[in-house]
């Protein structure tokens, strides 16, 4: 079944990026990393704040642990966004179409990469995370195209 070709030029004036790296692929990776990584840091900060409120005390060690957790989540969330946006853009450029297959591969690679940040990495976990990431990304792409 032939696929509809779409305009894959992303370097036009309608692309909103925080930092212009000079190449559309790098722009997407860095932009996704910064925006979603910041969200990950805020998520960790909110969780740690709730923990302090429930404990009603904070010491130097717990604050250091909170900062470490914020950094870890910032890097994890940013890595997920960077890999996903970079892979989907690369697939779209290589194939010349924007469809669910790009999201599937991007989600699978993102899930596998995220599982590698776990302290207990097994090949079953990597495969499971790749399948989950691909399924979620594909479902999101289908839902996005329903409207």
C-alpha atoms as a PDB file:
ATOM      1  CA  UNK A   1       0.000   0.000   0.000  1.00  0.00           C
ATOM      2  CA  UNK A   2       1.640   3.310  -1.033  1.00  0.00           C
ATOM      3  CA  UNK A   3       2.316   5.835   1.677  1.00  0.00           C
ATOM      4  CA  UNK A   4       1.523   9.520   1.293  1.00  0.00           C
ATOM      5  CA  UNK A   5       4.617  11.662   1.026  1.00  0.00           C
ATOM      6  CA  UNK A   6       4.857  14.594   3.360  1.00  0.00           C
ATOM      7  CA  UNK A   7       6.981  17.683   3.511  1.00  0.00           C
ATOM      8  CA  UNK A   8       9.886  16.689   5.760  1.00  0.00           C
ATOM      9  CA  UNK A   9      11.555  20.087   5.879  1.00  0.00           C
ATOM     10  CA  UNK A  10      11.729  20.990   9.563  1.00  0.00           C
ATOM     11  CA  UNK A  11      14.094  23.917   9.343  1.00  0.00           C
ATOM     12  CA  UNK A  12      11.398  26.429   8.398  1.00  0.00           C
ATOM     13  CA  UNK A  13      10.385  29.395  10.512  1.00  0.00           C
ATOM     14  CA  UNK A  14       7.605  27.487  12.305  1.00  0.00           C
ATOM     15  CA  UNK A  15       9.987  25.222  14.269  1.00  0.00           C
ATOM     16  CA  UNK A  16      10.298  26.485  17.820  1.00  0.00           C
ATOM     17  CA  UNK A  17      13.599  25.411  19.396  1.00  0.00           C
ATOM     18  CA  UNK A  18      15.397  26.775  22.434  1.00  0.00           C
ATOM     19  CA  UNK A  19      18.896  26.449  20.958  1.00  0.00           C
ATOM     20  CA  UNK A  20      19.717  26.436  17.248  1.00  0.00           C
ATOM     21  CA  UNK A  21      22.431  23.835  16.698  1.00  0.00           C
ATOM     22  CA  UNK A  22      22.526  24.394  12.938  1.00  0.00           C
ATOM     23  CA  UNK A  23      21.007  21.061  11.908  1.00  0.00           C
ATOM     24  CA  UNK A  24      17.356  19.970  12.250  1.00  0.00           C
ATOM     25  CA  UNK A  25      18.288  16.600  13.819  1.00  0.00           C
ATOM     26  CA  UNK A  26      20.505  18.185  16.468  1.00  0.00           C
ATOM     27  CA  UNK A  27      17.880  20.872  17.078  1.00  0.00           C
ATOM     28  CA  UNK A  28      15.233  18.231  17.828  1.00  0.00           C
ATOM     29  CA  UNK A  29      17.482  16.132  20.072  1.00  0.00           C
ATOM     30  CA  UNK A  30      18.772  19.054  22.140  1.00  0.00           C
ATOM     31  CA  UNK A  31      15.378  20.740  22.333  1.00  0.00           C
ATOM     32  CA  UNK A  32      13.671  17.557  23.508  1.00  0.00           C
ATOM     33  CA  UNK A  33      16.433  16.883  26.027  1.00  0.00           C
ATOM     34  CA  UNK A  34      16.239  20.373  27.526  1.00  0.00           C
ATOM     35  CA  UNK A  35      12.445  20.653  27.670  1.00  0.00           C
ATOM     36  CA  UNK A  36      11.667  17.165  28.956  1.00  0.00           C
ATOM     37  CA  UNK A  37      14.808  16.967  31.113  1.00  0.00           C
ATOM     38  CA  UNK A  38      13.679  20.102  32.914  1.00  0.00           C
ATOM     39  CA  UNK A  39      10.293  18.509  33.437  1.00  0.00           C
ATOM     40  CA  UNK A  40      12.007  15.461  34.950  1.00  0.00           C
ATOM     41  CA  UNK A  41      13.931  17.660  37.374  1.00  0.00           C
ATOM     42  CA  UNK A  42      10.730  19.434  38.399  1.00  0.00           C
ATOM     43  CA  UNK A  43       9.025  16.069  38.872  1.00  0.00           C
ATOM     44  CA  UNK A  44      11.802  14.895  41.197  1.00  0.00           C
ATOM     45  CA  UNK A  45      11.766  18.199  43.084  1.00  0.00           C
ATOM     46  CA  UNK A  46       8.024  17.904  43.663  1.00  0.00           C
ATOM     47  CA  UNK A  47       8.363  14.338  44.911  1.00  0.00           C
ATOM     48  CA  UNK A  48      11.212  15.248  47.247  1.00  0.00           C
ATOM     49  CA  UNK A  49       9.282  18.269  48.558  1.00  0.00           C
ATOM     50  CA  UNK A  50       6.355  16.043  49.433  1.00  0.00           C
ATOM     51  CA  UNK A  51       8.714  13.666  51.200  1.00  0.00           C
ATOM     52  CA  UNK A  52      10.141  16.527  53.289  1.00  0.00           C
ATOM     53  CA  UNK A  53       6.670  17.760  54.190  1.00  0.00           C
ATOM     54  CA  UNK A  54       5.640  14.317  55.383  1.00  0.00           C
ATOM     55  CA  UNK A  55       8.869  13.841  57.364  1.00  0.00           C
ATOM     56  CA  UNK A  56       8.882  17.402  58.738  1.00  0.00           C
ATOM     57  CA  UNK A  57      12.673  17.403  58.780  1.00  0.00           C
ATOM     58  CA  UNK A  58      15.541  17.765  56.364  1.00  0.00           C
ATOM     59  CA  UNK A  59      19.255  17.363  56.913  1.00  0.00           C
ATOM     60  CA  UNK A  60      22.283  17.819  54.690  1.00  0.00           C
ATOM     61  CA  UNK A  61      22.375  14.161  53.645  1.00  0.00           C
ATOM     62  CA  UNK A  62      18.726  14.104  52.580  1.00  0.00           C
ATOM     63  CA  UNK A  63      19.156  17.332  50.617  1.00  0.00           C
ATOM     64  CA  UNK A  64      22.168  15.859  48.792  1.00  0.00           C
ATOM     65  CA  UNK A  65      20.119  12.773  48.004  1.00  0.00           C
ATOM     66  CA  UNK A  66      17.336  14.995  46.650  1.00  0.00           C
ATOM     67  CA  UNK A  67      19.722  16.874  44.365  1.00  0.00           C
ATOM     68  CA  UNK A  68      21.167  13.588  43.098  1.00  0.00           C
ATOM     69  CA  UNK A  69      17.665  12.280  42.389  1.00  0.00           C
ATOM     70  CA  UNK A  70      16.780  15.459  40.526  1.00  0.00           C
ATOM     71  CA  UNK A  71      19.892  15.146  38.368  1.00  0.00           C
ATOM     72  CA  UNK A  72      19.231  11.484  37.651  1.00  0.00           C
ATOM     73  CA  UNK A  73      15.626  12.077  36.614  1.00  0.00           C
ATOM     74  CA  UNK A  74      16.607  15.112  34.557  1.00  0.00           C
ATOM     75  CA  UNK A  75      19.109  13.015  32.593  1.00  0.00           C
ATOM     76  CA  UNK A  76      16.753  10.048  32.225  1.00  0.00           C
ATOM     77  CA  UNK A  77      13.773  12.084  31.029  1.00  0.00           C
ATOM     78  CA  UNK A  78      15.985  14.188  28.764  1.00  0.00           C
ATOM     79  CA  UNK A  79      17.610  11.085  27.282  1.00  0.00           C
ATOM     80  CA  UNK A  80      14.213   9.580  26.566  1.00  0.00           C
ATOM     81  CA  UNK A  81      13.018  12.723  24.771  1.00  0.00           C
ATOM     82  CA  UNK A  82      16.272  13.179  22.865  1.00  0.00           C
ATOM     83  CA  UNK A  83      16.449   9.593  21.636  1.00  0.00           C
ATOM     84  CA  UNK A  84      12.785   9.457  20.702  1.00  0.00           C
ATOM     85  CA  UNK A  85      12.681  12.754  18.819  1.00  0.00           C
ATOM     86  CA  UNK A  86      16.006  12.067  17.124  1.00  0.00           C
ATOM     87  CA  UNK A  87      14.999   8.576  16.010  1.00  0.00           C
ATOM     88  CA  UNK A  88      11.576   9.552  14.717  1.00  0.00           C
ATOM     89  CA  UNK A  89      13.081  12.480  12.799  1.00  0.00           C
ATOM     90  CA  UNK A  90      15.843  10.269  11.338  1.00  0.00           C
ATOM     91  CA  UNK A  91      13.354   7.594  10.295  1.00  0.00           C
ATOM     92  CA  UNK A  92      11.096  10.189   8.716  1.00  0.00           C
ATOM     93  CA  UNK A  93      13.972  11.670   6.743  1.00  0.00           C
ATOM     94  CA  UNK A  94      15.272   8.251   5.651  1.00  0.00           C
ATOM     95  CA  UNK A  95      11.886   6.848   4.649  1.00  0.00           C
ATOM     96  CA  UNK A  96      10.324  10.084   3.406  1.00  0.00           C
ATOM     97  CA  UNK A  97       7.046   9.459   5.234  1.00  0.00           C
ATOM     98  CA  UNK A  98       5.604  10.310   8.621  1.00  0.00           C
ATOM     99  CA  UNK A  99       3.744   7.288   9.982  1.00  0.00           C
ATOM    100  CA  UNK A 100       3.408   4.924  12.920  1.00  0.00           C
ATOM    101  CA  UNK A 101       6.495   2.912  11.936  1.00  0.00           C
ATOM    102  CA  UNK A 102       8.746   5.836  12.827  1.00  0.00           C
ATOM    103  CA  UNK A 103       7.114   6.064  16.251  1.00  0.00           C
ATOM    104  CA  UNK A 104       7.424   2.297  16.736  1.00  0.00           C
ATOM    105  CA  UNK A 105      11.166   2.235  16.130  1.00  0.00           C
ATOM    106  CA  UNK A 106      11.776   5.433  18.084  1.00  0.00           C
ATOM    107  CA  UNK A 107       9.775   4.138  21.041  1.00  0.00           C
ATOM    108  CA  UNK A 108      11.486   0.746  20.992  1.00  0.00           C
ATOM    109  CA  UNK A 109      14.983   2.240  20.984  1.00  0.00           C
ATOM    110  CA  UNK A 110      13.989   4.719  23.664  1.00  0.00           C
ATOM    111  CA  UNK A 111      12.567   1.970  25.894  1.00  0.00           C
ATOM    112  CA  UNK A 112      15.695  -0.134  25.478  1.00  0.00           C
ATOM    113  CA  UNK A 113      17.965   2.828  26.265  1.00  0.00           C
ATOM    114  CA  UNK A 114      15.944   3.747  29.338  1.00  0.00           C
ATOM    115  CA  UNK A 115      16.162   0.204  30.690  1.00  0.00           C
ATOM    116  CA  UNK A 116      19.949   0.402  30.427  1.00  0.00           C
ATOM    117  CA  UNK A 117      19.960   3.144  33.076  1.00  0.00           C
ATOM    118  CA  UNK A 118      18.549   0.705  35.645  1.00  0.00           C
ATOM    119  CA  UNK A 119      20.942  -0.729  38.222  1.00  0.00           C
ATOM    120  CA  UNK A 120      19.789  -4.308  37.545  1.00  0.00           C
ATOM    121  CA  UNK A 121      20.042  -4.662  33.751  1.00  0.00           C
ATOM    122  CA  UNK A 122      19.042  -7.968  32.172  1.00  0.00           C
ATOM    123  CA  UNK A 123      18.412  -8.755  28.522  1.00  0.00           C
ATOM    124  CA  UNK A 124      14.809  -9.679  29.354  1.00  0.00           C
ATOM    125  CA  UNK A 125      14.294  -6.245  30.899  1.00  0.00           C
ATOM    126  CA  UNK A 126      15.809  -4.492  27.859  1.00  0.00           C
ATOM    127  CA  UNK A 127      13.573  -6.437  25.452  1.00  0.00           C
ATOM    128  CA  UNK A 128      10.495  -5.869  27.605  1.00  0.00           C
ATOM    129  CA  UNK A 129      11.201  -2.138  27.809  1.00  0.00           C
ATOM    130  CA  UNK A 130      11.770  -1.935  24.050  1.00  0.00           C
ATOM    131  CA  UNK A 131       8.431  -3.640  23.368  1.00  0.00           C
ATOM    132  CA  UNK A 132       6.657  -1.398  25.887  1.00  0.00           C
ATOM    133  CA  UNK A 133       8.258   1.775  24.510  1.00  0.00           C
ATOM    134  CA  UNK A 134       7.370   0.828  20.945  1.00  0.00           C
ATOM    135  CA  UNK A 135       3.785  -0.009  21.885  1.00  0.00           C
ATOM    136  CA  UNK A 136       3.240   3.230  23.812  1.00  0.00           C
ATOM    137  CA  UNK A 137       4.773   5.391  21.072  1.00  0.00           C
ATOM    138  CA  UNK A 138       2.763   3.644  18.356  1.00  0.00           C
ATOM    139  CA  UNK A 139      -0.469   3.988  20.326  1.00  0.00           C
ATOM    140  CA  UNK A 140       0.257   7.675  20.922  1.00  0.00           C
ATOM    141  CA  UNK A 141       0.865   8.168  17.189  1.00  0.00           C
ATOM    142  CA  UNK A 142      -2.416   6.461  16.301  1.00  0.00           C
ATOM    143  CA  UNK A 143      -4.295   8.542  18.873  1.00  0.00           C
ATOM    144  CA  UNK A 144      -2.643  11.740  17.645  1.00  0.00           C
ATOM    145  CA  UNK A 145      -3.800  10.997  14.112  1.00  0.00           C
ATOM    146  CA  UNK A 146      -7.421  10.316  15.127  1.00  0.00           C
ATOM    147  CA  UNK A 147      -8.209  14.002  15.480  1.00  0.00           C
END
